[in-house]
Amino acid sequence: MTGALDGIRVLDLSRILAGPTCTQLLGDLGAEVIKIENPATKGDDTRSWGPPFVQGSDGQPTDLSAYFMSANRNKLSVALDISTSEGRAIIVELIDHCDVLIENFKPGGLRKYGLDAETLLRMHPRLVYCSISGFGQTGPNAAKPGYDLMAQGFGGIMSLTGAQEGPPMKVGIGVADVMCGMYATVGILAALRHRDRTGEGQHIDVALVDSQIAWLVNEGVSHLTTGARPIRRGNGHPSIVPYQVFETNNGHVIVAVGNDSQFRRFCAYLGIEGLADHPDYATNPARMENRNALIALLEPLLKQTATEDIVTGLEAAGVPVGPVQTLNQVFSSDQVTARDMVAEMPCDDVVGGAVRLIGNPLKLSKTPISYRYAPARFGQDTDAVIGDLLRKRKP
């Protein structure tokens, strides 16, 4: 079976995380992705973001950092300097064979090379051209650089994350970058659909900050509805109680009581059945109003029991519950194995002959995703791409 995007070719001028997240997903779906990497920097910046690095067969670290590998499978690596006339000429010729171009230069940064959207869409009207930046191609902040941490700060998610008494807190991974890459993917697929129906390409402008604001979801709309500023609640929920993480005697557990009947069963499990009838706790609005007193009552009861016992007991009672797992527990779990969420890919010239990556979560029954190319060493496909593809002129 071929992938859903089989026959689509992507020219990837992006680096770091947002763009590479997008192009990796397109590659997993079957697209051919040609990743252009600058020889002056020895490729994508994240190649040097480590340790850890994969060890070569000679025992020395390679340019395959864990960070780079997380977003760069299913791509061909071409070493090319677009600041040179020769490099630009090759890019222009490559575009003639491509359906999509994605870049994350500063707005206007490719204009001096003649590789901006306006110029290339005039030359290639069927091209889907996607630009990723920190603040977008327009607006007073357009010229500012875009970094995940800055986007989390400007876009508001940090103001909602962390303990109420503590400082604003970023999410543990570069979630603004990752989600921007997801939005870019959706935009590219929509633009390809339009191109296939009309023959018309277009320019996609997606920003880290815009994307981050978009997934403020209920908290963002609550503010727009009331004008009130949401407060940080740590692991608590802004609208449901109890719905948070509790300490146990050997770790932590998540209890997610979604309605009053679940709260009654939760109280029965803890041996405090009468609490479910108390007017301060009988309904969710009442529990919201008396959140602090309720949590103070529940914490010592749960802290005296093991995580696994609470999970078993509450699952039997029909109360949503789950453990807080460390990554070694995550990736060794039967669920991860059953869902193929670890992908082992053959990789030449590294210790063990393979690398282990996080699997793609999409399960498509007719056009499944595929893992065809392990993350490439810098420039390893330059001769093949330039030698084979560019010499095949369109008829």
Protein backbone atom coordinates (compact mmCIF):
# COMPACT_ATOMS: atom_id res chain seq x y z
CA MET A 1 0.00 0.00 0.00
CA THR A 2 1.20 3.50 -0.78
CA GLY A 3 0.91 6.46 1.55
CA ALA A 4 -1.82 9.06 1.21
CA LEU A 5 0.74 11.62 -0.01
CA ASP A 6 2.59 9.32 -2.37
CA GLY A 7 3.62 11.41 -5.40
CA ILE A 8 3.87 14.67 -3.45
CA ARG A 9 7.35 16.15 -3.24
CA VAL A 10 8.26 18.67 -0.52
CA LEU A 11 11.23 21.04 -0.53
CA ASP A 12 12.06 21.68 3.11
CA LEU A 13 13.99 24.86 3.87
CA SER A 14 13.06 24.76 7.56
CA ARG A 15 15.09 23.89 10.62
CA ILE A 16 14.82 23.43 14.44
CA LEU A 17 11.34 22.05 15.29
CA ALA A 18 8.12 23.60 13.91
CA GLY A 19 8.93 23.15 10.22
CA PRO A 20 10.66 19.79 10.65
CA THR A 21 7.67 18.51 12.68
CA CYS A 22 5.45 19.39 9.73
CA THR A 23 7.68 17.85 7.08
CA GLN A 24 8.27 14.68 9.09
CA LEU A 25 4.51 14.20 9.31
CA LEU A 26 4.17 14.77 5.56
CA GLY A 27 6.98 12.26 5.02
CA ASP A 28 5.33 9.68 7.26
CA LEU A 29 2.19 10.07 5.12
CA GLY A 30 4.16 9.17 2.02
CA ALA A 31 5.49 12.46 0.65
CA GLU A 32 9.09 12.67 -0.58
CA VAL A 33 10.81 15.32 1.54
CA ILE A 34 14.05 16.96 0.41
CA LYS A 35 15.65 18.70 3.38
CA ILE A 36 18.03 21.50 2.41
CA GLU A 37 20.81 22.02 4.98
CA ASN A 38 23.36 24.80 5.07
CA PRO A 39 26.99 23.62 4.79
CA ALA A 40 28.17 26.73 6.66
CA THR A 41 26.37 25.58 9.83
CA LYS A 42 26.93 21.87 9.20
CA GLY A 43 23.21 21.44 8.76
CA ASP A 44 20.15 21.89 10.92
CA ASP A 45 21.02 23.60 14.21
CA THR A 46 19.55 20.72 16.21
CA ARG A 47 22.19 18.30 14.93
CA SER A 48 24.44 19.79 17.63
CA TRP A 49 21.76 20.06 20.34
CA GLY A 50 22.99 17.38 22.69
CA PRO A 51 23.95 15.16 24.27
CA PRO A 52 22.61 12.63 23.76
CA PHE A 53 23.95 11.74 20.32
CA VAL A 54 23.78 8.40 18.55
CA GLN A 55 27.19 6.74 18.61
CA GLY A 56 28.77 5.78 15.31
CA SER A 57 30.20 2.33 14.64
CA ASP A 58 33.59 3.88 15.45
CA GLY A 59 32.37 4.70 18.95
CA GLN A 60 32.33 8.46 18.34
CA PRO A 61 29.26 10.72 18.55
CA THR A 62 27.55 11.32 15.20
CA ASP A 63 25.58 14.36 14.05
CA LEU A 64 22.37 12.49 14.92
CA SER A 65 21.32 14.11 18.19
CA ALA A 66 18.16 12.83 19.87
CA TYR A 67 16.63 16.27 19.30
CA PHE A 68 17.35 16.18 15.56
CA MET A 69 16.09 12.62 15.18
CA SER A 70 12.78 13.48 16.88
CA ALA A 71 11.61 15.46 13.82
CA ASN A 72 13.71 14.37 10.83
CA ARG A 73 12.94 10.85 9.67
CA ASN A 74 11.64 10.15 6.14
CA LYS A 75 13.74 12.94 4.61
CA LEU A 76 16.61 13.20 2.15
CA SER A 77 19.41 15.50 3.31
CA VAL A 78 20.92 17.83 0.69
CA ALA A 79 23.80 20.14 1.58
CA LEU A 80 23.26 23.41 -0.26
CA ASP A 81 24.11 27.05 0.41
CA ILE A 82 21.27 29.24 -0.88
CA SER A 83 23.37 32.37 -0.37
CA THR A 84 25.43 31.41 -3.42
CA SER A 85 24.25 31.86 -7.01
CA GLU A 86 24.87 28.18 -7.68
CA GLY A 87 22.84 27.16 -4.63
CA ARG A 88 19.95 29.42 -5.59
CA ALA A 89 19.95 28.10 -9.15
CA ILE A 90 19.69 24.53 -7.88
CA ILE A 91 16.83 25.47 -5.53
CA VAL A 92 14.92 27.13 -8.37
CA GLU A 93 15.35 24.04 -10.49
CA LEU A 94 14.37 21.75 -7.62
CA ILE A 95 11.17 23.71 -7.11
CA ASP A 96 10.19 22.84 -10.65
CA HIS A 97 9.91 19.22 -9.44
CA CYS A 98 8.16 19.98 -6.13
CA ASP A 99 4.59 20.49 -4.97
CA VAL A 100 5.31 22.16 -1.64
CA LEU A 101 7.97 24.49 -0.24
CA ILE A 102 8.18 25.12 3.50
CA GLU A 103 10.49 27.66 5.14
CA ASN A 104 10.96 29.33 8.51
CA PHE A 105 13.23 32.27 7.72
CA LYS A 106 12.42 35.66 9.20
CA PRO A 107 9.64 37.37 7.21
CA GLY A 108 11.20 38.78 4.07
CA GLY A 109 14.45 36.90 4.65
CA LEU A 110 14.26 34.93 1.39
CA ARG A 111 13.40 37.93 -0.78
CA LYS A 112 17.06 38.86 -1.31
CA TYR A 113 17.62 35.40 -2.78
CA GLY A 114 14.57 35.54 -5.03
CA LEU A 115 13.06 32.64 -3.11
CA ASP A 116 10.17 34.50 -1.49
CA ALA A 117 6.55 33.43 -1.96
CA GLU A 118 5.60 36.23 -4.33
CA THR A 119 8.49 35.52 -6.70
CA LEU A 120 8.20 31.73 -6.68
CA LEU A 121 4.40 31.64 -7.00
CA ARG A 122 4.69 33.88 -10.04
CA MET A 123 7.15 31.38 -11.54
CA HIS A 124 5.33 28.28 -10.26
CA PRO A 125 1.62 29.08 -9.85
CA ARG A 126 0.79 25.52 -8.69
CA LEU A 127 3.26 25.68 -5.79
CA VAL A 128 2.04 25.46 -2.19
CA TYR A 129 4.41 27.76 -0.28
CA CYS A 130 4.28 27.59 3.53
CA SER A 131 6.02 30.17 5.73
CA ILE A 132 6.46 29.56 9.46
CA SER A 133 7.61 32.41 11.71
CA GLY A 134 7.33 33.59 15.27
CA PHE A 135 4.68 36.29 14.82
CA GLY A 136 3.59 35.87 11.20
CA GLN A 137 4.30 37.80 8.02
CA THR A 138 2.29 40.87 9.15
CA GLY A 139 1.73 42.88 12.32
CA PRO A 140 3.98 45.08 14.47
CA ASN A 141 5.97 42.09 15.76
CA ALA A 142 6.56 40.44 12.39
CA ALA A 143 10.30 41.21 12.39
CA LYS A 144 10.89 39.73 15.83
CA PRO A 145 12.55 36.30 16.01
CA GLY A 146 10.40 33.35 16.95
CA TYR A 147 11.37 30.87 19.64
CA ASP A 148 9.11 28.36 21.36
CA LEU A 149 9.71 29.82 24.81
CA MET A 150 8.92 33.34 23.61
CA ALA A 151 5.74 32.09 21.94
CA GLN A 152 4.63 30.35 25.14
CA GLY A 153 5.22 33.57 27.04
CA PHE A 154 3.62 35.99 24.56
CA GLY A 155 0.73 33.66 23.75
CA GLY A 156 -0.39 33.26 27.35
CA ILE A 157 0.02 29.54 28.04
CA MET A 158 2.78 30.19 30.60
CA SER A 159 0.45 32.43 32.59
CA LEU A 160 -1.87 29.41 32.98
CA THR A 161 0.82 26.85 33.78
CA GLY A 162 2.44 26.18 37.16
CA ALA A 163 1.45 26.37 40.81
CA GLN A 164 -0.84 29.21 41.84
CA GLU A 165 1.78 30.63 44.20
CA GLY A 166 4.70 29.94 41.86
CA PRO A 167 6.11 31.65 38.77
CA PRO A 168 4.73 31.21 35.24
CA MET A 169 5.94 27.89 33.87
CA LYS A 170 6.65 26.67 30.34
CA VAL A 171 5.42 23.31 29.13
CA GLY A 172 8.12 20.62 29.40
CA ILE A 173 8.64 20.26 25.65
CA GLY A 174 8.53 22.75 22.77
CA VAL A 175 4.78 22.46 22.41
CA ALA A 176 4.31 25.81 20.64
CA ASP A 177 6.72 24.66 17.91
CA VAL A 178 5.12 21.22 17.65
CA MET A 179 1.57 22.53 17.44
CA CYS A 180 2.59 25.18 14.91
CA GLY A 181 3.99 22.33 12.81
CA MET A 182 0.65 20.54 13.12
CA TYR A 183 -1.29 23.61 11.99
CA ALA A 184 1.15 24.03 9.10
CA THR A 185 0.50 20.43 8.06
CA VAL A 186 -3.26 21.00 8.04
CA GLY A 187 -2.81 24.18 6.01
CA ILE A 188 -0.60 22.41 3.46
CA LEU A 189 -3.08 19.55 3.03
CA ALA A 190 -5.93 22.04 2.56
CA ALA A 191 -3.87 24.00 0.00
CA LEU A 192 -3.01 20.81 -1.90
CA ARG A 193 -6.72 19.94 -2.05
CA HIS A 194 -7.44 23.40 -3.47
CA ARG A 195 -4.53 23.11 -5.92
CA ASP A 196 -5.74 19.73 -7.17
CA ARG A 197 -9.25 21.11 -7.77
CA THR A 198 -8.28 24.44 -9.34
CA GLY A 199 -4.63 24.21 -10.40
CA GLU A 200 -3.90 27.17 -8.15
CA GLY A 201 -1.17 27.22 -5.50
CA GLN A 202 -1.06 29.66 -2.62
CA HIS A 203 0.97 31.11 0.24
CA ILE A 204 0.35 29.79 3.78
CA ASP A 205 1.35 32.12 6.62
CA VAL A 206 1.43 30.36 10.01
CA ALA A 207 2.92 31.77 13.22
CA LEU A 208 4.04 30.17 16.48
CA VAL A 209 2.22 32.80 18.54
CA ASP A 210 -1.02 32.55 16.51
CA SER A 211 -0.97 28.78 16.86
CA GLN A 212 -0.32 28.95 20.58
CA ILE A 213 -3.18 31.40 21.09
CA ALA A 214 -5.46 29.11 19.07
CA TRP A 215 -5.00 26.24 21.50
CA LEU A 216 -5.82 28.27 24.59
CA VAL A 217 -9.28 26.79 23.83
CA ASN A 218 -11.66 26.94 26.84
CA GLU A 219 -9.43 29.17 28.97
CA GLY A 220 -9.04 31.67 26.13
CA VAL A 221 -12.74 31.73 25.36
CA SER A 222 -13.57 32.00 29.08
CA HIS A 223 -11.49 35.17 29.21
CA LEU A 224 -13.12 36.55 26.05
CA THR A 225 -16.53 35.78 27.53
CA THR A 226 -16.01 37.29 30.99
CA GLY A 227 -12.95 39.53 30.75
CA ALA A 228 -11.59 37.82 33.86
CA ARG A 229 -7.95 36.79 34.01
CA PRO A 230 -7.59 33.03 34.62
CA ILE A 231 -5.30 32.01 37.45
CA ARG A 232 -2.77 29.21 37.55
CA ARG A 233 -4.12 26.11 39.26
CA GLY A 234 -1.15 23.78 39.04
CA ASN A 235 -2.61 20.38 38.17
CA GLY A 236 -6.15 21.42 39.02
CA HIS A 237 -8.96 21.94 36.52
CA PRO A 238 -10.56 25.39 36.12
CA SER A 239 -14.12 24.00 35.95
CA ILE A 240 -14.20 20.55 37.62
CA VAL A 241 -13.30 19.37 41.15
CA PRO A 242 -11.64 17.02 42.01
CA TYR A 243 -9.82 16.72 38.71
CA GLN A 244 -6.08 16.79 39.37
CA VAL A 245 -2.92 15.02 40.46
CA PHE A 246 -2.65 13.68 44.01
CA GLU A 247 0.41 12.37 45.82
CA THR A 248 0.33 8.72 46.84
CA ASN A 249 2.64 6.77 49.13
CA ASN A 250 4.83 5.74 46.17
CA GLY A 251 4.26 8.34 43.46
CA HIS A 252 1.36 10.29 42.01
CA VAL A 253 -2.08 9.51 40.65
CA ILE A 254 -4.57 11.42 38.50
CA VAL A 255 -8.18 11.48 39.68
CA ALA A 256 -10.62 12.94 37.13
CA VAL A 257 -14.09 13.11 38.66
CA GLY A 258 -16.28 14.36 35.84
CA ASN A 259 -19.75 14.37 37.43
CA ASP A 260 -21.63 14.04 40.71
CA SER A 261 -22.29 10.30 40.43
CA GLN A 262 -18.57 9.68 39.95
CA PHE A 263 -17.88 11.83 42.99
CA ARG A 264 -20.28 9.68 45.03
CA ARG A 265 -18.45 6.51 43.97
CA PHE A 266 -15.10 8.19 44.64
CA CYS A 267 -16.19 9.02 48.19
CA ALA A 268 -17.42 5.46 48.71
CA TYR A 269 -14.01 4.11 47.66
CA LEU A 270 -12.32 6.39 50.22
CA GLY A 271 -14.80 5.37 52.94
CA ILE A 272 -16.29 8.87 53.27
CA GLU A 273 -19.71 8.19 51.72
CA GLY A 274 -21.42 10.95 53.68
CA LEU A 275 -19.29 13.64 52.05
CA ALA A 276 -21.18 13.20 48.77
CA ASP A 277 -24.37 14.38 50.50
CA HIS A 278 -22.82 17.39 52.21
CA PRO A 279 -24.20 20.60 50.67
CA ASP A 280 -20.65 21.97 50.29
CA TYR A 281 -19.64 19.04 48.03
CA ALA A 282 -22.77 17.40 46.61
CA THR A 283 -22.58 19.20 43.26
CA ASN A 284 -19.71 20.33 41.08
CA PRO A 285 -20.54 24.05 41.49
CA ALA A 286 -20.48 23.54 45.26
CA ARG A 287 -17.19 21.67 45.04
CA MET A 288 -15.78 24.48 42.90
CA GLU A 289 -16.74 27.01 45.56
CA ASN A 290 -15.18 24.89 48.30
CA ARG A 291 -12.25 23.55 46.30
CA ASN A 292 -9.51 24.26 48.84
CA ALA A 293 -11.32 22.65 51.76
CA LEU A 294 -12.19 19.56 49.70
CA ILE A 295 -8.69 19.04 48.37
CA ALA A 296 -7.23 19.45 51.87
CA LEU A 297 -9.55 16.67 53.02
CA LEU A 298 -8.77 14.31 50.13
CA GLU A 299 -4.98 14.69 50.02
CA PRO A 300 -4.10 12.80 53.22
CA LEU A 301 -6.51 9.97 52.37
CA LEU A 302 -4.92 9.33 49.00
CA LYS A 303 -1.36 9.87 50.23
CA GLN A 304 -1.55 6.81 52.46
CA THR A 305 -2.28 4.42 49.56
CA ALA A 306 -0.13 3.12 46.68
CA THR A 307 -0.73 4.42 43.19
CA GLU A 308 -1.48 0.99 41.74
CA ASP A 309 -4.03 0.25 44.48
CA ILE A 310 -5.85 3.53 43.87
CA VAL A 311 -5.90 2.91 40.12
CA THR A 312 -7.27 -0.61 40.59
CA GLY A 313 -9.86 0.47 43.15
CA LEU A 314 -11.18 3.48 41.29
CA GLU A 315 -11.25 1.70 37.93
CA ALA A 316 -13.42 -0.97 39.57
CA ALA A 317 -15.67 1.79 40.91
CA GLY A 318 -16.01 3.43 37.49
CA VAL A 319 -14.13 6.58 38.44
CA PRO A 320 -11.65 7.97 35.86
CA VAL A 321 -8.14 7.46 37.23
CA GLY A 322 -4.63 6.96 35.96
CA PRO A 323 -0.97 6.92 36.98
CA VAL A 324 1.61 9.63 36.33
CA GLN A 325 4.25 7.61 34.50
CA THR A 326 7.91 8.31 33.97
CA LEU A 327 9.19 7.91 30.41
CA ASN A 328 10.74 4.51 31.12
CA GLN A 329 7.29 3.35 32.26
CA VAL A 330 5.65 4.92 29.21
CA PHE A 331 7.86 3.28 26.61
CA SER A 332 7.94 -0.12 28.33
CA SER A 333 4.16 -0.33 28.67
CA ASP A 334 2.05 -2.95 26.89
CA GLN A 335 -0.16 -0.15 25.53
CA VAL A 336 2.75 1.52 23.73
CA THR A 337 3.79 -1.83 22.26
CA ALA A 338 0.26 -2.59 21.10
CA ARG A 339 -0.06 0.82 19.45
CA ASP A 340 3.38 0.72 17.77
CA MET A 341 4.41 3.97 19.39
CA VAL A 342 8.11 3.08 19.25
CA ALA A 343 9.59 2.78 15.77
CA GLU A 344 12.95 1.03 15.34
CA MET A 345 14.57 2.02 12.05
CA PRO A 346 17.69 0.56 10.44
CA CYS A 347 20.49 3.13 10.34
CA ASP A 348 23.88 2.44 8.79
CA ASP A 349 27.12 3.16 10.58
CA VAL A 350 25.69 3.55 14.09
CA VAL A 351 26.11 1.32 17.12
CA GLY A 352 23.52 -1.44 16.94
CA GLY A 353 22.64 -0.64 13.33
CA ALA A 354 19.31 1.01 14.22
CA VAL A 355 17.74 3.97 16.00
CA ARG A 356 14.59 3.98 18.14
CA LEU A 357 12.13 6.81 17.51
CA ILE A 358 8.66 7.80 18.68
CA GLY A 359 6.01 6.32 16.41
CA ASN A 360 3.42 8.26 14.44
CA PRO A 361 -0.01 8.26 16.19
CA LEU A 362 -2.04 8.17 12.96
CA LYS A 363 -3.60 4.79 12.20
CA LEU A 364 -4.94 4.88 8.64
CA SER A 365 -6.68 1.72 7.45
CA LYS A 366 -6.15 2.22 3.70
CA THR A 367 -3.05 4.41 3.47
CA PRO A 368 -0.95 3.64 6.54
CA ILE A 369 2.03 5.74 7.48
CA SER A 370 5.46 4.30 6.72
CA TYR A 371 8.98 4.59 8.07
CA ARG A 372 11.20 4.55 4.98
CA TYR A 373 14.29 6.58 5.87
CA ALA A 374 16.00 6.89 9.22
CA PRO A 375 17.14 10.44 10.12
CA ALA A 376 19.85 11.24 7.61
CA ARG A 377 23.45 12.18 8.22
CA PHE A 378 24.20 15.70 7.05
CA GLY A 379 24.24 15.97 3.25
CA GLN A 380 24.18 12.23 2.67
CA ASP A 381 21.69 12.45 -0.24
CA THR A 382 23.15 15.51 -2.01
CA ASP A 383 24.65 13.67 -4.98
CA ALA A 384 21.64 11.40 -5.44
CA VAL A 385 19.09 14.22 -5.42
CA ILE A 386 21.05 16.67 -7.55
CA GLY A 387 22.41 13.98 -9.84
CA ASP A 388 19.19 12.03 -10.43
CA LEU A 389 16.34 14.48 -9.94
CA LEU A 390 17.69 17.65 -11.51
CA ARG A 391 18.86 15.91 -14.65
CA LYS A 392 15.33 14.62 -15.28
CA ARG A 393 13.73 17.61 -16.91
CA LYS A 394 9.98 17.83 -17.08
CA PRO A 395 8.66 16.93 -20.54
